[in-house]
Amino acid sequence: MDVKLFKKDNDNILKLVGMTDNENDTYLNNITGVQATIKDYDGHNVSGVSWPVSVNYVIGSDGNYIAVLPYTAVVTLSQQYIVNITGNAGVGKIFDVNLRALCVENEGP
């Protein structure tokens, strides 16, 4: 799995693109309760944010979802974190995904 980058002291956009049902290859435009949390490698939520944050469906898209990971998250440069994403796409279709993420410096505009 690739390591994603996110910038310290900056709002970061989390995008889920083209979510599909593995059984019939249709786009999942109705996933409910999609949420994201940044955790340290010990499994603890990072401080500075009221976790989890909502991940919302992009209206009119084909299975795309988006969230803002707030700049207030207390993270350390060059440290790796886990972005945990959960949701419910219907009976027997609950997902729980962990993405590795590396905190990098916000270099400004």
N, C-alpha and C. Protein backbone atom coordinates (compact mmCIF):
# COMPACT_ATOMS: atom_id res chain seq x y z
N MET A 1 0.84 -1.17 0.00
CA MET A 1 0.00 0.00 0.00
C MET A 1 0.89 1.24 0.00
N ASP A 2 0.52 2.22 -0.81
CA ASP A 2 1.28 3.46 -0.89
C ASP A 2 1.14 4.27 0.39
N VAL A 3 2.16 5.05 0.68
CA VAL A 3 2.11 5.99 1.79
C VAL A 3 1.62 7.32 1.23
N LYS A 4 0.58 7.86 1.84
CA LYS A 4 0.04 9.16 1.44
C LYS A 4 0.73 10.24 2.26
N LEU A 5 0.80 11.44 1.72
CA LEU A 5 1.41 12.57 2.42
C LEU A 5 0.33 13.53 2.89
N PHE A 6 0.51 14.08 4.08
CA PHE A 6 -0.35 15.17 4.50
C PHE A 6 0.50 16.23 5.18
N LYS A 7 0.05 17.48 5.05
CA LYS A 7 0.86 18.61 5.51
C LYS A 7 0.48 19.04 6.92
N LYS A 8 1.52 19.23 7.74
CA LYS A 8 1.35 19.70 9.11
C LYS A 8 0.79 21.13 9.10
N ASP A 9 -0.08 21.43 10.08
CA ASP A 9 -0.65 22.76 10.25
C ASP A 9 -1.38 23.26 9.01
N ASN A 10 -2.06 22.34 8.34
CA ASN A 10 -2.75 22.67 7.11
C ASN A 10 -3.99 21.78 7.02
N ASP A 11 -5.13 22.34 6.57
CA ASP A 11 -6.26 21.46 6.26
C ASP A 11 -5.83 20.55 5.12
N ASN A 12 -6.18 19.29 5.21
CA ASN A 12 -5.86 18.33 4.16
C ASN A 12 -7.15 17.71 3.65
N ILE A 13 -7.22 17.49 2.35
CA ILE A 13 -8.41 16.91 1.72
C ILE A 13 -8.19 15.41 1.56
N LEU A 14 -9.15 14.64 2.07
CA LEU A 14 -9.16 13.20 1.90
C LEU A 14 -10.18 12.88 0.81
N LYS A 15 -9.74 12.19 -0.25
CA LYS A 15 -10.65 11.84 -1.34
C LYS A 15 -10.71 10.33 -1.50
N LEU A 16 -11.92 9.81 -1.59
CA LEU A 16 -12.15 8.42 -1.97
C LEU A 16 -12.76 8.50 -3.36
N VAL A 17 -12.12 7.91 -4.34
CA VAL A 17 -12.52 8.09 -5.73
C VAL A 17 -12.98 6.78 -6.33
N GLY A 18 -14.18 6.80 -6.92
CA GLY A 18 -14.69 5.65 -7.66
C GLY A 18 -14.95 4.41 -6.82
N MET A 19 -15.55 4.59 -5.64
CA MET A 19 -15.86 3.45 -4.78
C MET A 19 -16.86 2.54 -5.50
N THR A 20 -16.52 1.26 -5.62
CA THR A 20 -17.39 0.32 -6.33
C THR A 20 -17.68 -0.91 -5.49
N ASP A 21 -18.79 -1.57 -5.82
CA ASP A 21 -19.19 -2.82 -5.21
C ASP A 21 -18.44 -3.94 -5.93
N ASN A 22 -17.66 -4.71 -5.20
CA ASN A 22 -16.87 -5.79 -5.82
C ASN A 22 -17.73 -6.89 -6.42
N GLU A 23 -18.97 -7.04 -5.95
CA GLU A 23 -19.83 -8.11 -6.44
C GLU A 23 -20.39 -7.83 -7.82
N ASN A 24 -20.75 -6.57 -8.09
CA ASN A 24 -21.39 -6.27 -9.38
C ASN A 24 -20.77 -5.08 -10.11
N ASP A 25 -19.65 -4.58 -9.61
CA ASP A 25 -18.89 -3.51 -10.27
C ASP A 25 -19.70 -2.24 -10.51
N THR A 26 -20.66 -1.96 -9.60
CA THR A 26 -21.42 -0.71 -9.70
C THR A 26 -20.87 0.29 -8.70
N TYR A 27 -21.03 1.57 -9.01
CA TYR A 27 -20.54 2.61 -8.11
C TYR A 27 -21.37 2.65 -6.83
N LEU A 28 -20.70 2.88 -5.72
CA LEU A 28 -21.36 2.99 -4.42
C LEU A 28 -21.59 4.47 -4.13
N ASN A 29 -22.80 4.93 -4.43
CA ASN A 29 -23.15 6.33 -4.24
C ASN A 29 -24.00 6.53 -2.99
N ASN A 30 -24.13 5.48 -2.19
CA ASN A 30 -25.03 5.56 -1.05
C ASN A 30 -24.42 5.00 0.24
N ILE A 31 -23.11 5.09 0.37
CA ILE A 31 -22.47 4.60 1.59
C ILE A 31 -22.85 5.53 2.74
N THR A 32 -23.27 4.95 3.84
CA THR A 32 -23.67 5.76 4.99
C THR A 32 -22.62 5.73 6.09
N GLY A 33 -22.62 6.77 6.87
CA GLY A 33 -21.75 6.82 8.04
C GLY A 33 -20.27 6.73 7.72
N VAL A 34 -19.85 7.26 6.58
CA VAL A 34 -18.42 7.21 6.24
C VAL A 34 -17.70 8.22 7.13
N GLN A 35 -16.65 7.73 7.81
CA GLN A 35 -15.92 8.55 8.76
C GLN A 35 -14.43 8.28 8.64
N ALA A 36 -13.64 9.27 9.03
CA ALA A 36 -12.18 9.12 9.01
C ALA A 36 -11.59 9.61 10.33
N THR A 37 -10.50 8.94 10.74
CA THR A 37 -9.78 9.28 11.96
C THR A 37 -8.29 9.12 11.70
N ILE A 38 -7.47 10.07 12.17
CA ILE A 38 -6.01 9.90 12.10
C ILE A 38 -5.55 9.33 13.44
N LYS A 39 -4.80 8.23 13.35
CA LYS A 39 -4.29 7.55 14.54
C LYS A 39 -2.77 7.46 14.47
N ASP A 40 -2.14 7.41 15.64
CA ASP A 40 -0.71 7.14 15.66
C ASP A 40 -0.50 5.63 15.49
N TYR A 41 0.75 5.19 15.39
CA TYR A 41 1.02 3.78 15.15
C TYR A 41 0.72 2.89 16.36
N ASP A 42 0.42 3.52 17.51
CA ASP A 42 -0.02 2.75 18.68
C ASP A 42 -1.53 2.59 18.71
N GLY A 43 -2.21 3.18 17.70
CA GLY A 43 -3.65 3.05 17.60
C GLY A 43 -4.45 4.12 18.33
N HIS A 44 -3.78 5.16 18.83
CA HIS A 44 -4.45 6.24 19.54
C HIS A 44 -4.82 7.36 18.57
N ASN A 45 -6.00 7.92 18.73
CA ASN A 45 -6.40 9.07 17.92
C ASN A 45 -5.46 10.24 18.23
N VAL A 46 -5.05 10.97 17.18
CA VAL A 46 -4.24 12.16 17.43
C VAL A 46 -5.13 13.22 18.07
N SER A 47 -4.55 14.08 18.87
CA SER A 47 -5.32 15.12 19.56
C SER A 47 -5.53 16.33 18.65
N GLY A 48 -6.36 17.24 19.11
CA GLY A 48 -6.59 18.49 18.39
C GLY A 48 -7.81 18.50 17.51
N VAL A 49 -8.46 17.34 17.34
CA VAL A 49 -9.64 17.23 16.48
C VAL A 49 -10.66 16.35 17.20
N SER A 50 -11.93 16.65 17.02
CA SER A 50 -12.99 15.80 17.55
C SER A 50 -13.26 14.71 16.51
N TRP A 51 -12.63 13.55 16.71
CA TRP A 51 -12.74 12.44 15.76
C TRP A 51 -13.99 11.64 16.05
N PRO A 52 -14.53 10.97 15.02
CA PRO A 52 -14.12 10.99 13.62
C PRO A 52 -14.71 12.18 12.87
N VAL A 53 -14.15 12.46 11.68
CA VAL A 53 -14.73 13.48 10.81
C VAL A 53 -15.56 12.77 9.74
N SER A 54 -16.60 13.44 9.28
CA SER A 54 -17.47 12.87 8.25
C SER A 54 -16.81 12.92 6.89
N VAL A 55 -17.01 11.86 6.12
CA VAL A 55 -16.56 11.79 4.73
C VAL A 55 -17.84 11.78 3.90
N ASN A 56 -18.04 12.81 3.08
CA ASN A 56 -19.32 13.01 2.40
C ASN A 56 -19.27 12.64 0.92
N TYR A 57 -20.40 12.10 0.45
CA TYR A 57 -20.55 11.77 -0.96
C TYR A 57 -20.54 13.05 -1.80
N VAL A 58 -19.85 13.03 -2.92
CA VAL A 58 -19.82 14.16 -3.86
C VAL A 58 -21.01 13.97 -4.80
N ILE A 59 -22.03 14.80 -4.62
CA ILE A 59 -23.28 14.65 -5.37
C ILE A 59 -23.01 14.66 -6.87
N GLY A 60 -23.62 13.68 -7.56
CA GLY A 60 -23.50 13.57 -9.01
C GLY A 60 -22.25 12.84 -9.48
N SER A 61 -21.44 12.37 -8.54
CA SER A 61 -20.20 11.68 -8.93
C SER A 61 -20.44 10.18 -9.00
N ASP A 62 -19.46 9.47 -9.48
CA ASP A 62 -19.50 8.01 -9.53
C ASP A 62 -18.67 7.45 -8.39
N GLY A 63 -19.29 7.37 -7.20
CA GLY A 63 -18.64 6.76 -6.06
C GLY A 63 -17.53 7.58 -5.42
N ASN A 64 -17.60 8.90 -5.54
CA ASN A 64 -16.56 9.75 -4.94
C ASN A 64 -17.04 10.34 -3.61
N TYR A 65 -16.11 10.39 -2.65
CA TYR A 65 -16.38 10.92 -1.32
C TYR A 65 -15.23 11.84 -0.93
N ILE A 66 -15.52 12.83 -0.06
CA ILE A 66 -14.50 13.80 0.30
C ILE A 66 -14.66 14.24 1.76
N ALA A 67 -13.53 14.56 2.40
CA ALA A 67 -13.54 15.07 3.77
C ALA A 67 -12.37 16.03 3.94
N VAL A 68 -12.50 16.88 4.95
CA VAL A 68 -11.40 17.76 5.33
C VAL A 68 -10.82 17.22 6.63
N LEU A 69 -9.52 16.97 6.63
CA LEU A 69 -8.80 16.60 7.84
C LEU A 69 -8.23 17.91 8.38
N PRO A 70 -8.74 18.38 9.52
CA PRO A 70 -8.44 19.73 10.01
C PRO A 70 -6.97 19.98 10.36
N TYR A 71 -6.55 21.22 10.16
CA TYR A 71 -5.18 21.65 10.45
C TYR A 71 -4.86 21.56 11.94
N THR A 72 -5.89 21.47 12.78
CA THR A 72 -5.68 21.43 14.23
C THR A 72 -5.17 20.09 14.73
N ALA A 73 -5.11 19.08 13.86
CA ALA A 73 -4.58 17.77 14.28
C ALA A 73 -3.15 17.94 14.77
N VAL A 74 -2.87 17.45 15.96
CA VAL A 74 -1.54 17.58 16.56
C VAL A 74 -0.69 16.41 16.07
N VAL A 75 0.19 16.71 15.10
CA VAL A 75 1.01 15.68 14.47
C VAL A 75 2.47 16.14 14.44
N THR A 76 3.37 15.20 14.22
CA THR A 76 4.81 15.47 14.24
C THR A 76 5.38 15.27 12.84
N LEU A 77 6.20 16.22 12.40
CA LEU A 77 6.85 16.10 11.08
C LEU A 77 7.61 14.79 10.96
N SER A 78 7.57 14.20 9.79
CA SER A 78 8.27 12.96 9.42
C SER A 78 7.76 11.73 10.16
N GLN A 79 6.68 11.86 10.89
CA GLN A 79 6.08 10.74 11.59
C GLN A 79 5.01 10.10 10.70
N GLN A 80 4.93 8.77 10.74
CA GLN A 80 3.87 8.10 10.00
C GLN A 80 2.65 7.90 10.88
N TYR A 81 1.49 7.99 10.25
CA TYR A 81 0.21 7.85 10.93
C TYR A 81 -0.67 6.89 10.13
N ILE A 82 -1.78 6.52 10.74
CA ILE A 82 -2.79 5.70 10.07
C ILE A 82 -4.04 6.55 9.90
N VAL A 83 -4.56 6.62 8.67
CA VAL A 83 -5.85 7.24 8.44
C VAL A 83 -6.84 6.09 8.33
N ASN A 84 -7.72 5.97 9.33
CA ASN A 84 -8.71 4.90 9.37
C ASN A 84 -10.01 5.43 8.79
N ILE A 85 -10.57 4.71 7.80
CA ILE A 85 -11.80 5.11 7.13
C ILE A 85 -12.80 3.96 7.26
N THR A 86 -14.00 4.28 7.75
CA THR A 86 -15.03 3.27 7.92
C THR A 86 -16.33 3.73 7.28
N GLY A 87 -17.18 2.77 6.93
CA GLY A 87 -18.48 3.10 6.36
C GLY A 87 -19.32 1.86 6.19
N ASN A 88 -20.59 2.05 5.82
CA ASN A 88 -21.53 0.97 5.64
C ASN A 88 -22.22 1.13 4.29
N ALA A 89 -21.97 0.19 3.38
CA ALA A 89 -22.55 0.24 2.04
C ALA A 89 -23.72 -0.73 1.89
N GLY A 90 -24.27 -1.19 2.99
CA GLY A 90 -25.42 -2.09 2.93
C GLY A 90 -25.15 -3.41 3.63
N VAL A 91 -26.11 -4.31 3.55
CA VAL A 91 -26.02 -5.59 4.23
C VAL A 91 -24.74 -6.33 3.84
N GLY A 92 -23.91 -6.60 4.85
CA GLY A 92 -22.66 -7.33 4.60
C GLY A 92 -21.60 -6.55 3.87
N LYS A 93 -21.78 -5.25 3.75
CA LYS A 93 -20.83 -4.44 2.98
C LYS A 93 -20.26 -3.31 3.83
N ILE A 94 -19.79 -3.67 5.02
CA ILE A 94 -19.16 -2.72 5.91
C ILE A 94 -17.67 -2.70 5.60
N PHE A 95 -17.07 -1.53 5.55
CA PHE A 95 -15.63 -1.49 5.29
C PHE A 95 -14.90 -0.73 6.38
N ASP A 96 -13.65 -1.11 6.54
CA ASP A 96 -12.76 -0.53 7.55
C ASP A 96 -11.37 -0.56 6.92
N VAL A 97 -10.91 0.59 6.43
CA VAL A 97 -9.67 0.68 5.67
C VAL A 97 -8.66 1.52 6.43
N ASN A 98 -7.41 1.10 6.43
CA ASN A 98 -6.33 1.87 7.02
C ASN A 98 -5.33 2.27 5.94
N LEU A 99 -5.05 3.56 5.85
CA LEU A 99 -4.06 4.08 4.91
C LEU A 99 -2.88 4.63 5.70
N ARG A 100 -1.67 4.33 5.26
CA ARG A 100 -0.49 4.91 5.89
C ARG A 100 -0.31 6.33 5.37
N ALA A 101 0.03 7.25 6.28
CA ALA A 101 0.19 8.65 5.90
C ALA A 101 1.41 9.22 6.61
N LEU A 102 2.19 9.99 5.89
CA LEU A 102 3.40 10.62 6.40
C LEU A 102 3.16 12.12 6.54
N CYS A 103 3.48 12.67 7.70
CA CYS A 103 3.35 14.10 7.94
C CYS A 103 4.55 14.84 7.35
N VAL A 104 4.29 15.80 6.49
CA VAL A 104 5.35 16.59 5.87
C VAL A 104 5.13 18.07 6.18
N GLU A 105 6.14 18.87 5.96
CA GLU A 105 6.07 20.30 6.26
C GLU A 105 5.18 21.03 5.27
N ASN A 106 4.42 21.97 5.78
CA ASN A 106 3.61 22.84 4.95
C ASN A 106 4.52 23.95 4.45
N GLU A 107 4.81 23.96 3.16
CA GLU A 107 5.77 24.90 2.59
C GLU A 107 5.14 26.23 2.20
N GLY A 108 3.88 26.41 2.53
CA GLY A 108 3.22 27.69 2.26
C GLY A 108 2.72 27.81 0.83
N PRO A 109 2.20 28.99 0.50
CA PRO A 109 1.58 29.20 -0.83
C PRO A 109 2.58 29.15 -1.96
